[in-house]
Full PDB file with SEQRES, HELIX, SHEET, SSBOND, CRYST1, ORIGX, SCALE, CONECT and MASTER records, all heavy atoms in Angstrom:
SEQRES   1 A   43  GLU GLN VAL LEU GLU LEU THR ARG GLN THR GLY ILE GLY          
SEQRES   2 A   43  ALA GLN PHE GLY GLY LYS TYR PHE CYS HIS ASP VAL ARG          
SEQRES   3 A   43  VAL VAL ARG LEU PRO ARG HIS GLY ALA SER LEU PRO VAL          
SEQRES   4 A   43  ALA ILE ALA VAL                                              
HELIX    1 AA1 GLN A    2  GLN A    9  1                                   8    
CRYST1    1.000    1.000    1.000  90.00  90.00  90.00 P 1           1          
ORIGX1      1.000000  0.000000  0.000000        0.00000                         
ORIGX2      0.000000  1.000000  0.000000        0.00000                         
ORIGX3      0.000000  0.000000  1.000000        0.00000                         
SCALE1      1.000000  0.000000  0.000000        0.00000                         
SCALE2      0.000000  1.000000  0.000000        0.00000                         
SCALE3      0.000000  0.000000  1.000000        0.00000                         
ATOM      1  N   GLU A   1      16.151  13.388   6.606  1.00  0.00           N  
ATOM      2  CA  GLU A   1      17.412  12.768   7.013  1.00  0.00           C  
ATOM      3  C   GLU A   1      18.598  13.458   6.363  1.00  0.00           C  
ATOM      4  O   GLU A   1      19.654  13.645   6.989  1.00  0.00           O  
ATOM      5  CB  GLU A   1      17.395  11.279   6.643  1.00  0.00           C  
ATOM      6  CG  GLU A   1      16.477  10.454   7.524  1.00  0.00           C  
ATOM      7  CD  GLU A   1      16.896  10.506   8.990  1.00  0.00           C  
ATOM      8  OE1 GLU A   1      18.106  10.409   9.272  1.00  0.00           O  
ATOM      9  OE2 GLU A   1      16.007  10.675   9.846  1.00  0.00           O  
ATOM     10  N   GLN A   2      18.433  13.859   5.106  1.00  0.00           N  
ATOM     11  CA  GLN A   2      19.530  14.530   4.409  1.00  0.00           C  
ATOM     12  C   GLN A   2      19.819  15.894   5.018  1.00  0.00           C  
ATOM     13  O   GLN A   2      20.989  16.278   5.186  1.00  0.00           O  
ATOM     14  CB  GLN A   2      19.186  14.647   2.926  1.00  0.00           C  
ATOM     15  CG  GLN A   2      19.145  13.292   2.214  1.00  0.00           C  
ATOM     16  CD  GLN A   2      18.433  13.344   0.875  1.00  0.00           C  
ATOM     17  OE1 GLN A   2      17.643  14.245   0.620  1.00  0.00           O  
ATOM     18  NE2 GLN A   2      18.711  12.370   0.029  1.00  0.00           N  
ATOM     19  N   VAL A   3      18.782  16.626   5.378  1.00  0.00           N  
ATOM     20  CA  VAL A   3      18.993  17.937   5.990  1.00  0.00           C  
ATOM     21  C   VAL A   3      19.572  17.777   7.391  1.00  0.00           C  
ATOM     22  O   VAL A   3      20.433  18.557   7.813  1.00  0.00           O  
ATOM     23  CB  VAL A   3      17.681  18.741   6.022  1.00  0.00           C  
ATOM     24  CG1 VAL A   3      17.865  20.043   6.793  1.00  0.00           C  
ATOM     25  CG2 VAL A   3      17.214  19.040   4.600  1.00  0.00           C  
ATOM     26  N   LEU A   4      19.137  16.767   8.126  1.00  0.00           N  
ATOM     27  CA  LEU A   4      19.713  16.534   9.445  1.00  0.00           C  
ATOM     28  C   LEU A   4      21.213  16.276   9.332  1.00  0.00           C  
ATOM     29  O   LEU A   4      22.006  16.804  10.132  1.00  0.00           O  
ATOM     30  CB  LEU A   4      19.021  15.351  10.124  1.00  0.00           C  
ATOM     31  CG  LEU A   4      19.535  14.999  11.527  1.00  0.00           C  
ATOM     32  CD1 LEU A   4      19.351  16.168  12.482  1.00  0.00           C  
ATOM     33  CD2 LEU A   4      18.838  13.754  12.055  1.00  0.00           C  
ATOM     34  N   GLU A   5      21.618  15.497   8.355  1.00  0.00           N  
ATOM     35  CA  GLU A   5      23.041  15.249   8.155  1.00  0.00           C  
ATOM     36  C   GLU A   5      23.762  16.537   7.789  1.00  0.00           C  
ATOM     37  O   GLU A   5      24.893  16.788   8.238  1.00  0.00           O  
ATOM     38  CB  GLU A   5      23.241  14.200   7.059  1.00  0.00           C  
ATOM     39  CG  GLU A   5      24.694  13.839   6.783  1.00  0.00           C  
ATOM     40  CD  GLU A   5      25.429  13.323   8.013  1.00  0.00           C  
ATOM     41  OE1 GLU A   5      24.783  12.707   8.901  1.00  0.00           O  
ATOM     42  OE2 GLU A   5      26.656  13.543   8.101  1.00  0.00           O  
ATOM     43  N   LEU A   6      23.106  17.373   6.994  1.00  0.00           N  
ATOM     44  CA  LEU A   6      23.690  18.669   6.644  1.00  0.00           C  
ATOM     45  C   LEU A   6      23.956  19.488   7.910  1.00  0.00           C  
ATOM     46  O   LEU A   6      25.030  20.091   8.061  1.00  0.00           O  
ATOM     47  CB  LEU A   6      22.740  19.413   5.707  1.00  0.00           C  
ATOM     48  CG  LEU A   6      23.127  20.780   5.151  1.00  0.00           C  
ATOM     49  CD1 LEU A   6      22.412  21.020   3.830  1.00  0.00           C  
ATOM     50  CD2 LEU A   6      22.795  21.903   6.109  1.00  0.00           C  
ATOM     51  N   THR A   7      22.997  19.508   8.836  1.00  0.00           N  
ATOM     52  CA  THR A   7      23.177  20.295  10.058  1.00  0.00           C  
ATOM     53  C   THR A   7      24.332  19.761  10.894  1.00  0.00           C  
ATOM     54  O   THR A   7      25.002  20.521  11.599  1.00  0.00           O  
ATOM     55  CB  THR A   7      21.897  20.315  10.919  1.00  0.00           C  
ATOM     56  OG1 THR A   7      21.637  19.012  11.468  1.00  0.00           O  
ATOM     57  CG2 THR A   7      20.697  20.769  10.103  1.00  0.00           C  
ATOM     58  N   ARG A   8      24.556  18.450  10.831  1.00  0.00           N  
ATOM     59  CA  ARG A   8      25.647  17.862  11.604  1.00  0.00           C  
ATOM     60  C   ARG A   8      27.005  18.203  11.025  1.00  0.00           C  
ATOM     61  O   ARG A   8      28.011  18.178  11.730  1.00  0.00           O  
ATOM     62  CB  ARG A   8      25.452  16.349  11.682  1.00  0.00           C  
ATOM     63  CG  ARG A   8      24.259  15.954  12.553  1.00  0.00           C  
ATOM     64  CD  ARG A   8      23.959  14.489  12.508  1.00  0.00           C  
ATOM     65  NE  ARG A   8      22.931  14.130  13.489  1.00  0.00           N  
ATOM     66  CZ  ARG A   8      22.341  12.947  13.563  1.00  0.00           C  
ATOM     67  NH1 ARG A   8      22.671  11.986  12.695  1.00  0.00           N  
ATOM     68  NH2 ARG A   8      21.418  12.704  14.484  1.00  0.00           N  
ATOM     69  N   GLN A   9      27.022  18.518   9.725  1.00  0.00           N  
ATOM     70  CA  GLN A   9      28.289  18.836   9.077  1.00  0.00           C  
ATOM     71  C   GLN A   9      28.680  20.304   9.204  1.00  0.00           C  
ATOM     72  O   GLN A   9      29.791  20.683   8.833  1.00  0.00           O  
ATOM     73  CB  GLN A   9      28.223  18.453   7.595  1.00  0.00           C  
ATOM     74  CG  GLN A   9      28.096  16.957   7.355  1.00  0.00           C  
ATOM     75  CD  GLN A   9      28.012  16.616   5.876  1.00  0.00           C  
ATOM     76  OE1 GLN A   9      28.509  17.352   5.021  1.00  0.00           O  
ATOM     77  NE2 GLN A   9      27.377  15.500   5.557  1.00  0.00           N  
ATOM     78  N   THR A  10      27.788  21.140   9.725  1.00  0.00           N  
ATOM     79  CA  THR A  10      28.122  22.562   9.830  1.00  0.00           C  
ATOM     80  C   THR A  10      29.225  22.825  10.842  1.00  0.00           C  
ATOM     81  O   THR A  10      29.960  23.805  10.718  1.00  0.00           O  
ATOM     82  CB  THR A  10      26.887  23.378  10.248  1.00  0.00           C  
ATOM     83  OG1 THR A  10      26.477  22.988  11.561  1.00  0.00           O  
ATOM     84  CG2 THR A  10      25.732  23.200   9.266  1.00  0.00           C  
ATOM     85  N   GLY A  11      29.319  21.980  11.872  1.00  0.00           N  
ATOM     86  CA  GLY A  11      30.296  22.208  12.929  1.00  0.00           C  
ATOM     87  C   GLY A  11      29.811  23.147  14.018  1.00  0.00           C  
ATOM     88  O   GLY A  11      30.529  23.380  14.995  1.00  0.00           O  
ATOM     89  N   ILE A  12      28.596  23.693  13.881  1.00  0.00           N  
ATOM     90  CA  ILE A  12      28.083  24.618  14.898  1.00  0.00           C  
ATOM     91  C   ILE A  12      27.811  23.880  16.201  1.00  0.00           C  
ATOM     92  O   ILE A  12      28.139  24.349  17.282  1.00  0.00           O  
ATOM     93  CB  ILE A  12      26.807  25.320  14.394  1.00  0.00           C  
ATOM     94  CG1 ILE A  12      27.111  26.128  13.130  1.00  0.00           C  
ATOM     95  CG2 ILE A  12      26.231  26.228  15.478  1.00  0.00           C  
ATOM     96  CD1 ILE A  12      25.882  26.720  12.470  1.00  0.00           C  
ATOM     97  N   GLY A  13      27.198  22.705  16.089  1.00  0.00           N  
ATOM     98  CA  GLY A  13      26.940  21.892  17.268  1.00  0.00           C  
ATOM     99  C   GLY A  13      25.921  22.517  18.199  1.00  0.00           C  
ATOM    100  O   GLY A  13      25.191  23.446  17.852  1.00  0.00           O  
ATOM    101  N   ALA A  14      25.891  21.984  19.412  1.00  0.00           N  
ATOM    102  CA  ALA A  14      24.949  22.461  20.420  1.00  0.00           C  
ATOM    103  C   ALA A  14      25.513  23.726  21.070  1.00  0.00           C  
ATOM    104  O   ALA A  14      25.885  23.724  22.241  1.00  0.00           O  
ATOM    105  CB  ALA A  14      24.689  21.382  21.462  1.00  0.00           C  
ATOM    106  N   GLN A  15      25.666  24.765  20.237  1.00  0.00           N  
ATOM    107  CA  GLN A  15      26.037  26.120  20.634  1.00  0.00           C  
ATOM    108  C   GLN A  15      27.519  26.436  20.536  1.00  0.00           C  
ATOM    109  O   GLN A  15      27.881  27.557  20.182  1.00  0.00           O  
ATOM    110  CB  GLN A  15      25.511  26.459  22.045  1.00  0.00           C  
ATOM    111  CG  GLN A  15      24.009  26.260  22.194  1.00  0.00           C  
ATOM    112  CD  GLN A  15      23.451  26.786  23.493  1.00  0.00           C  
ATOM    113  OE1 GLN A  15      23.964  27.724  24.070  1.00  0.00           O  
ATOM    114  NE2 GLN A  15      22.368  26.168  23.961  1.00  0.00           N  
ATOM    115  N   PHE A  16      28.436  25.492  20.820  1.00  0.00           N  
ATOM    116  CA  PHE A  16      29.851  25.852  20.861  1.00  0.00           C  
ATOM    117  C   PHE A  16      30.739  24.845  20.127  1.00  0.00           C  
ATOM    118  O   PHE A  16      31.857  24.575  20.539  1.00  0.00           O  
ATOM    119  CB  PHE A  16      30.307  26.008  22.312  1.00  0.00           C  
ATOM    120  CG  PHE A  16      29.514  27.026  23.066  1.00  0.00           C  
ATOM    121  CD1 PHE A  16      28.556  26.631  23.982  1.00  0.00           C  
ATOM    122  CD2 PHE A  16      29.688  28.373  22.824  1.00  0.00           C  
ATOM    123  CE1 PHE A  16      27.810  27.570  24.668  1.00  0.00           C  
ATOM    124  CE2 PHE A  16      28.941  29.322  23.502  1.00  0.00           C  
ATOM    125  CZ  PHE A  16      27.995  28.919  24.423  1.00  0.00           C  
ATOM    126  N   GLY A  17      30.224  24.299  19.038  1.00  0.00           N  
ATOM    127  CA  GLY A  17      31.034  23.410  18.230  1.00  0.00           C  
ATOM    128  C   GLY A  17      30.706  21.954  18.445  1.00  0.00           C  
ATOM    129  O   GLY A  17      30.634  21.487  19.577  1.00  0.00           O  
ATOM    130  N   GLY A  18      30.491  21.238  17.346  1.00  0.00           N  
ATOM    131  CA  GLY A  18      30.193  19.814  17.433  1.00  0.00           C  
ATOM    132  C   GLY A  18      29.191  19.387  16.385  1.00  0.00           C  
ATOM    133  O   GLY A  18      29.110  19.962  15.299  1.00  0.00           O  
ATOM    134  N   LYS A  19      28.428  18.390  16.723  1.00  0.00           N  
ATOM    135  CA  LYS A  19      27.546  17.701  15.774  1.00  0.00           C  
ATOM    136  C   LYS A  19      26.077  18.063  15.953  1.00  0.00           C  
ATOM    137  O   LYS A  19      25.304  18.057  14.985  1.00  0.00           O  
ATOM    138  CB  LYS A  19      27.745  16.194  15.992  1.00  0.00           C  
ATOM    139  CG  LYS A  19      26.789  15.271  15.301  1.00  0.00           C  
ATOM    140  CD  LYS A  19      27.109  13.817  15.680  1.00  0.00           C  
ATOM    141  CE  LYS A  19      26.100  12.826  15.105  1.00  0.00           C  
ATOM    142  NZ  LYS A  19      26.394  11.432  15.522  1.00  0.00           N  
ATOM    143  N   TYR A  20      25.660  18.408  17.169  1.00  0.00           N  
ATOM    144  CA  TYR A  20      24.234  18.467  17.492  1.00  0.00           C  
ATOM    145  C   TYR A  20      23.661  19.883  17.424  1.00  0.00           C  
ATOM    146  O   TYR A  20      23.168  20.419  18.402  1.00  0.00           O  
ATOM    147  CB  TYR A  20      23.977  17.833  18.863  1.00  0.00           C  
ATOM    148  CG  TYR A  20      23.965  16.333  18.785  1.00  0.00           C  
ATOM    149  CD1 TYR A  20      25.102  15.594  19.079  1.00  0.00           C  
ATOM    150  CD2 TYR A  20      22.832  15.650  18.375  1.00  0.00           C  
ATOM    151  CE1 TYR A  20      25.101  14.211  18.985  1.00  0.00           C  
ATOM    152  CE2 TYR A  20      22.816  14.272  18.278  1.00  0.00           C  
ATOM    153  CZ  TYR A  20      23.961  13.555  18.588  1.00  0.00           C  
ATOM    154  OH  TYR A  20      23.947  12.189  18.479  1.00  0.00           O  
ATOM    155  N   PHE A  21      23.699  20.465  16.225  1.00  0.00           N  
ATOM    156  CA  PHE A  21      23.004  21.726  15.994  1.00  0.00           C  
ATOM    157  C   PHE A  21      21.490  21.509  16.045  1.00  0.00           C  
ATOM    158  O   PHE A  21      20.743  22.386  16.478  1.00  0.00           O  
ATOM    159  CB  PHE A  21      23.419  22.284  14.636  1.00  0.00           C  
ATOM    160  CG  PHE A  21      22.918  23.664  14.333  1.00  0.00           C  
ATOM    161  CD1 PHE A  21      23.074  24.702  15.236  1.00  0.00           C  
ATOM    162  CD2 PHE A  21      22.314  23.947  13.120  1.00  0.00           C  
ATOM    163  CE1 PHE A  21      22.623  25.985  14.946  1.00  0.00           C  
ATOM    164  CE2 PHE A  21      21.863  25.221  12.820  1.00  0.00           C  
ATOM    165  CZ  PHE A  21      22.023  26.243  13.738  1.00  0.00           C  
ATOM    166  N   CYS A  22      21.052  20.332  15.604  1.00  0.00           N  
ATOM    167  CA  CYS A  22      19.626  19.991  15.599  1.00  0.00           C  
ATOM    168  C   CYS A  22      19.410  18.599  16.181  1.00  0.00           C  
ATOM    169  O   CYS A  22      20.208  17.690  15.939  1.00  0.00           O  
ATOM    170  CB  CYS A  22      19.051  20.014  14.179  1.00  0.00           C  
ATOM    171  SG  CYS A  22      19.035  21.650  13.413  1.00  0.00           S  
ATOM    172  N   HIS A  23      18.339  18.452  16.925  1.00  0.00           N  
ATOM    173  CA  HIS A  23      17.898  17.128  17.346  1.00  0.00           C  
ATOM    174  C   HIS A  23      17.301  16.366  16.175  1.00  0.00           C  
ATOM    175  O   HIS A  23      17.551  15.174  15.987  1.00  0.00           O  
ATOM    176  CB  HIS A  23      16.820  17.240  18.423  1.00  0.00           C  
ATOM    177  CG  HIS A  23      17.320  17.604  19.777  1.00  0.00           C  
ATOM    178  ND1 HIS A  23      18.289  16.886  20.441  1.00  0.00           N  
ATOM    179  CD2 HIS A  23      16.965  18.616  20.607  1.00  0.00           C  
ATOM    180  CE1 HIS A  23      18.498  17.431  21.627  1.00  0.00           C  
ATOM    181  NE2 HIS A  23      17.719  18.477  21.752  1.00  0.00           N  
ATOM    182  N   ASP A  24      16.463  17.051  15.412  1.00  0.00           N  
ATOM    183  CA  ASP A  24      15.729  16.412  14.321  1.00  0.00           C  
ATOM    184  C   ASP A  24      15.255  17.479  13.349  1.00  0.00           C  
ATOM    185  O   ASP A  24      15.365  18.687  13.616  1.00  0.00           O  
ATOM    186  CB  ASP A  24      14.544  15.583  14.852  1.00  0.00           C  
ATOM    187  CG  ASP A  24      13.683  16.345  15.839  1.00  0.00           C  
ATOM    188  OD1 ASP A  24      13.432  17.543  15.615  1.00  0.00           O  
ATOM    189  OD2 ASP A  24      13.255  15.753  16.853  1.00  0.00           O  
ATOM    190  N   VAL A  25      14.720  17.022  12.233  1.00  0.00           N  
ATOM    191  CA  VAL A  25      14.264  17.921  11.174  1.00  0.00           C  
ATOM    192  C   VAL A  25      12.905  17.433  10.677  1.00  0.00           C  
ATOM    193  O   VAL A  25      12.681  16.228  10.527  1.00  0.00           O  
ATOM    194  CB  VAL A  25      15.264  17.958   9.993  1.00  0.00           C  
ATOM    195  CG1 VAL A  25      14.724  18.830   8.853  1.00  0.00           C  
ATOM    196  CG2 VAL A  25      16.626  18.458  10.457  1.00  0.00           C  
ATOM    197  N   ARG A  26      11.995  18.367  10.438  1.00  0.00           N  
ATOM    198  CA  ARG A  26      10.728  18.082   9.776  1.00  0.00           C  
ATOM    199  C   ARG A  26      10.697  18.872   8.473  1.00  0.00           C  
ATOM    200  O   ARG A  26      10.939  20.080   8.473  1.00  0.00           O  
ATOM    201  CB  ARG A  26       9.528  18.491  10.640  1.00  0.00           C  
ATOM    202  CG  ARG A  26       9.463  17.790  12.000  1.00  0.00           C  
ATOM    203  CD  ARG A  26       9.162  16.308  11.844  1.00  0.00           C  
ATOM    204  NE  ARG A  26       8.986  15.646  13.123  1.00  0.00           N  
ATOM    205  CZ  ARG A  26       9.956  15.070  13.826  1.00  0.00           C  
ATOM    206  NH1 ARG A  26      11.210  15.118  13.381  1.00  0.00           N  
ATOM    207  NH2 ARG A  26       9.695  14.454  14.961  1.00  0.00           N  
ATOM    208  N   VAL A  27      10.410  18.193   7.366  1.00  0.00           N  
ATOM    209  CA  VAL A  27      10.264  18.854   6.064  1.00  0.00           C  
ATOM    210  C   VAL A  27       8.869  18.560   5.546  1.00  0.00           C  
ATOM    211  O   VAL A  27       8.505  17.391   5.361  1.00  0.00           O  
ATOM    212  CB  VAL A  27      11.318  18.377   5.047  1.00  0.00           C  
ATOM    213  CG1 VAL A  27      11.065  19.040   3.696  1.00  0.00           C  
ATOM    214  CG2 VAL A  27      12.726  18.684   5.539  1.00  0.00           C  
ATOM    215  N   VAL A  28       8.079  19.595   5.339  1.00  0.00           N  
ATOM    216  CA  VAL A  28       6.710  19.465   4.845  1.00  0.00           C  
ATOM    217  C   VAL A  28       6.621  20.112   3.474  1.00  0.00           C  
ATOM    218  O   VAL A  28       7.053  21.253   3.285  1.00  0.00           O  
ATOM    219  CB  VAL A  28       5.708  20.123   5.811  1.00  0.00           C  
ATOM    220  CG1 VAL A  28       4.287  20.045   5.250  1.00  0.00           C  
ATOM    221  CG2 VAL A  28       5.767  19.458   7.183  1.00  0.00           C  
ATOM    222  N   ARG A  29       6.077  19.362   2.536  1.00  0.00           N  
ATOM    223  CA  ARG A  29       5.842  19.880   1.174  1.00  0.00           C  
ATOM    224  C   ARG A  29       4.368  20.202   1.023  1.00  0.00           C  
ATOM    225  O   ARG A  29       3.500  19.375   1.326  1.00  0.00           O  
ATOM    226  CB  ARG A  29       6.265  18.833   0.143  1.00  0.00           C  
ATOM    227  CG  ARG A  29       6.107  19.277  -1.307  1.00  0.00           C  
ATOM    228  CD  ARG A  29       7.078  20.394  -1.674  1.00  0.00           C  
ATOM    229  NE  ARG A  29       7.287  20.457  -3.118  1.00  0.00           N  
ATOM    230  CZ  ARG A  29       6.551  21.211  -3.947  1.00  0.00           C  
ATOM    231  NH1 ARG A  29       5.572  21.949  -3.476  1.00  0.00           N  
ATOM    232  NH2 ARG A  29       6.803  21.196  -5.239  1.00  0.00           N  
ATOM    233  N   LEU A  30       4.084  21.432   0.592  1.00  0.00           N  
ATOM    234  CA  LEU A  30       2.711  21.888   0.398  1.00  0.00           C  
ATOM    235  C   LEU A  30       2.454  22.219  -1.067  1.00  0.00           C  
ATOM    236  O   LEU A  30       3.385  22.505  -1.827  1.00  0.00           O  
ATOM    237  CB  LEU A  30       2.453  23.146   1.243  1.00  0.00           C  
ATOM    238  CG  LEU A  30       2.449  23.000   2.766  1.00  0.00           C  
ATOM    239  CD1 LEU A  30       2.191  24.352   3.417  1.00  0.00           C  
ATOM    240  CD2 LEU A  30       1.415  21.986   3.216  1.00  0.00           C  
ATOM    241  N   PRO A  31       1.178  22.229  -1.472  1.00  0.00           N  
ATOM    242  CA  PRO A  31       0.853  22.710  -2.819  1.00  0.00           C  
ATOM    243  C   PRO A  31       1.153  24.203  -2.921  1.00  0.00           C  
ATOM    244  O   PRO A  31       1.302  24.892  -1.899  1.00  0.00           O  
ATOM    245  CB  PRO A  31      -0.649  22.435  -2.934  1.00  0.00           C  
ATOM    246  CG  PRO A  31      -1.141  22.415  -1.530  1.00  0.00           C  
ATOM    247  CD  PRO A  31      -0.022  21.832  -0.713  1.00  0.00           C  
ATOM    248  N   ARG A  32       1.233  24.710  -4.131  1.00  0.00           N  
ATOM    249  CA  ARG A  32       1.579  26.114  -4.325  1.00  0.00           C  
ATOM    250  C   ARG A  32       0.953  26.643  -5.606  1.00  0.00           C  
ATOM    251  O   ARG A  32       0.578  25.874  -6.494  1.00  0.00           O  
ATOM    252  CB  ARG A  32       3.100  26.281  -4.417  1.00  0.00           C  
ATOM    253  CG  ARG A  32       3.703  25.655  -5.686  1.00  0.00           C  
ATOM    254  CD  ARG A  32       5.220  25.721  -5.715  1.00  0.00           C  
ATOM    255  NE  ARG A  32       5.751  25.215  -6.985  1.00  0.00           N  
ATOM    256  CZ  ARG A  32       6.061  25.986  -8.024  1.00  0.00           C  
ATOM    257  NH1 ARG A  32       5.909  27.305  -7.963  1.00  0.00           N  
ATOM    258  NH2 ARG A  32       6.519  25.463  -9.145  1.00  0.00           N  
ATOM    259  N   HIS A  33       0.843  27.955  -5.689  1.00  0.00           N  
ATOM    260  CA  HIS A  33       0.523  28.616  -6.951  1.00  0.00           C  
ATOM    261  C   HIS A  33       1.739  28.500  -7.860  1.00  0.00           C  
ATOM    262  O   HIS A  33       2.881  28.618  -7.397  1.00  0.00           O  
ATOM    263  CB  HIS A  33       0.190  30.088  -6.679  1.00  0.00           C  
ATOM    264  CG  HIS A  33      -0.257  30.862  -7.883  1.00  0.00           C  
ATOM    265  ND1 HIS A  33       0.601  31.245  -8.890  1.00  0.00           N  
ATOM    266  CD2 HIS A  33      -1.481  31.327  -8.239  1.00  0.00           C  
ATOM    267  CE1 HIS A  33      -0.067  31.912  -9.814  1.00  0.00           C  
ATOM    268  NE2 HIS A  33      -1.339  31.979  -9.436  1.00  0.00           N  
ATOM    269  N   GLY A  34       1.517  28.290  -9.130  1.00  0.00           N  
ATOM    270  CA  GLY A  34       2.638  28.059 -10.042  1.00  0.00           C  
ATOM    271  C   GLY A  34       3.625  29.201 -10.117  1.00  0.00           C  
ATOM    272  O   GLY A  34       4.774  28.999 -10.517  1.00  0.00           O  
ATOM    273  N   ALA A  35       3.203  30.394  -9.741  1.00  0.00           N  
ATOM    274  CA  ALA A  35       4.104  31.545  -9.797  1.00  0.00           C  
ATOM    275  C   ALA A  35       4.767  31.850  -8.464  1.00  0.00           C  
ATOM    276  O   ALA A  35       5.514  32.826  -8.362  1.00  0.00           O  
ATOM    277  CB  ALA A  35       3.332  32.780 -10.273  1.00  0.00           C  
ATOM    278  N   SER A  36       4.483  31.060  -7.438  1.00  0.00           N  
ATOM    279  CA  SER A  36       5.018  31.329  -6.107  1.00  0.00           C  
ATOM    280  C   SER A  36       5.636  30.075  -5.507  1.00  0.00           C  
ATOM    281  O   SER A  36       5.112  28.974  -5.707  1.00  0.00           O  
ATOM    282  CB  SER A  36       3.911  31.822  -5.161  1.00  0.00           C  
ATOM    283  OG  SER A  36       3.303  32.992  -5.659  1.00  0.00           O  
ATOM    284  N   LEU A  37       6.708  30.256  -4.767  1.00  0.00           N  
ATOM    285  CA  LEU A  37       7.284  29.144  -4.013  1.00  0.00           C  
ATOM    286  C   LEU A  37       7.774  29.665  -2.670  1.00  0.00           C  
ATOM    287  O   LEU A  37       8.963  29.930  -2.471  1.00  0.00           O  
ATOM    288  CB  LEU A  37       8.433  28.472  -4.768  1.00  0.00           C  
ATOM    289  CG  LEU A  37       9.054  27.263  -4.035  1.00  0.00           C  
ATOM    290  CD1 LEU A  37       8.024  26.167  -3.806  1.00  0.00           C  
ATOM    291  CD2 LEU A  37      10.258  26.724  -4.778  1.00  0.00           C  
ATOM    292  N   PRO A  38       6.862  29.845  -1.715  1.00  0.00           N  
ATOM    293  CA  PRO A  38       7.330  30.234  -0.382  1.00  0.00           C  
ATOM    294  C   PRO A  38       8.081  29.088   0.290  1.00  0.00           C  
ATOM    295  O   PRO A  38       7.710  27.917   0.145  1.00  0.00           O  
ATOM    296  CB  PRO A  38       6.037  30.564   0.367  1.00  0.00           C  
ATOM    297  CG  PRO A  38       4.967  29.814  -0.346  1.00  0.00           C  
ATOM    298  CD  PRO A  38       5.399  29.708  -1.775  1.00  0.00           C  
ATOM    299  N   VAL A  39       9.128  29.421   0.998  1.00  0.00           N  
ATOM    300  CA  VAL A  39       9.860  28.467   1.825  1.00  0.00           C  
ATOM    301  C   VAL A  39       9.937  29.066   3.220  1.00  0.00           C  
ATOM    302  O   VAL A  39      10.420  30.187   3.392  1.00  0.00           O  
ATOM    303  CB  VAL A  39      11.268  28.182   1.283  1.00  0.00           C  
ATOM    304  CG1 VAL A  39      12.011  27.212   2.201  1.00  0.00           C  
ATOM    305  CG2 VAL A  39      11.202  27.628  -0.138  1.00  0.00           C  
ATOM    306  N   ALA A  40       9.430  28.330   4.190  1.00  0.00           N  
ATOM    307  CA  ALA A  40       9.429  28.812   5.575  1.00  0.00           C  
ATOM    308  C   ALA A  40      10.323  27.925   6.427  1.00  0.00           C  
ATOM    309  O   ALA A  40      10.357  26.706   6.245  1.00  0.00           O  
ATOM    310  CB  ALA A  40       8.010  28.822   6.142  1.00  0.00           C  
ATOM    311  N   ILE A  41      11.040  28.557   7.354  1.00  0.00           N  
ATOM    312  CA  ILE A  41      11.910  27.852   8.285  1.00  0.00           C  
ATOM    313  C   ILE A  41      11.575  28.330   9.694  1.00  0.00           C  
ATOM    314  O   ILE A  41      11.417  29.533   9.938  1.00  0.00           O  
ATOM    315  CB  ILE A  41      13.396  28.107   7.977  1.00  0.00           C  
ATOM    316  CG1 ILE A  41      13.760  27.537   6.597  1.00  0.00           C  
ATOM    317  CG2 ILE A  41      14.295  27.511   9.042  1.00  0.00           C  
ATOM    318  CD1 ILE A  41      15.187  27.803   6.170  1.00  0.00           C  
ATOM    319  N   ALA A  42      11.438  27.389  10.624  1.00  0.00           N  
ATOM    320  CA  ALA A  42      11.171  27.724  12.020  1.00  0.00           C  
ATOM    321  C   ALA A  42      11.879  26.713  12.900  1.00  0.00           C  
ATOM    322  O   ALA A  42      12.210  25.608  12.457  1.00  0.00           O  
ATOM    323  CB  ALA A  42       9.664  27.718  12.310  1.00  0.00           C  
ATOM    324  N   VAL A  43      12.093  27.098  14.155  1.00  0.00           N  
ATOM    325  CA  VAL A  43      12.725  26.192  15.104  1.00  0.00           C  
ATOM    326  C   VAL A  43      11.939  26.182  16.410  1.00  0.00           C  
ATOM    327  O   VAL A  43      11.282  27.153  16.776  1.00  0.00           O  
ATOM    328  CB  VAL A  43      14.193  26.589  15.406  1.00  0.00           C  
ATOM    329  CG1 VAL A  43      15.034  26.555  14.144  1.00  0.00           C  
ATOM    330  CG2 VAL A  43      14.275  27.946  16.095  1.00  0.00           C  
TER     331      VAL A  43                                                      
MASTER        0    0    0    1    0    0    0    6  330    1    0    4          
END                                                                             
């Protein structure tokens, strides 16, 4: 929810300015090796 609000504040919107850069957001937390922290983003 926090990231979705962040996307709404960018002003990018649905391509030409506005609120709807994203419909929704999924954030998944996975285990990791202590020396690594990969972060992946996809749409």
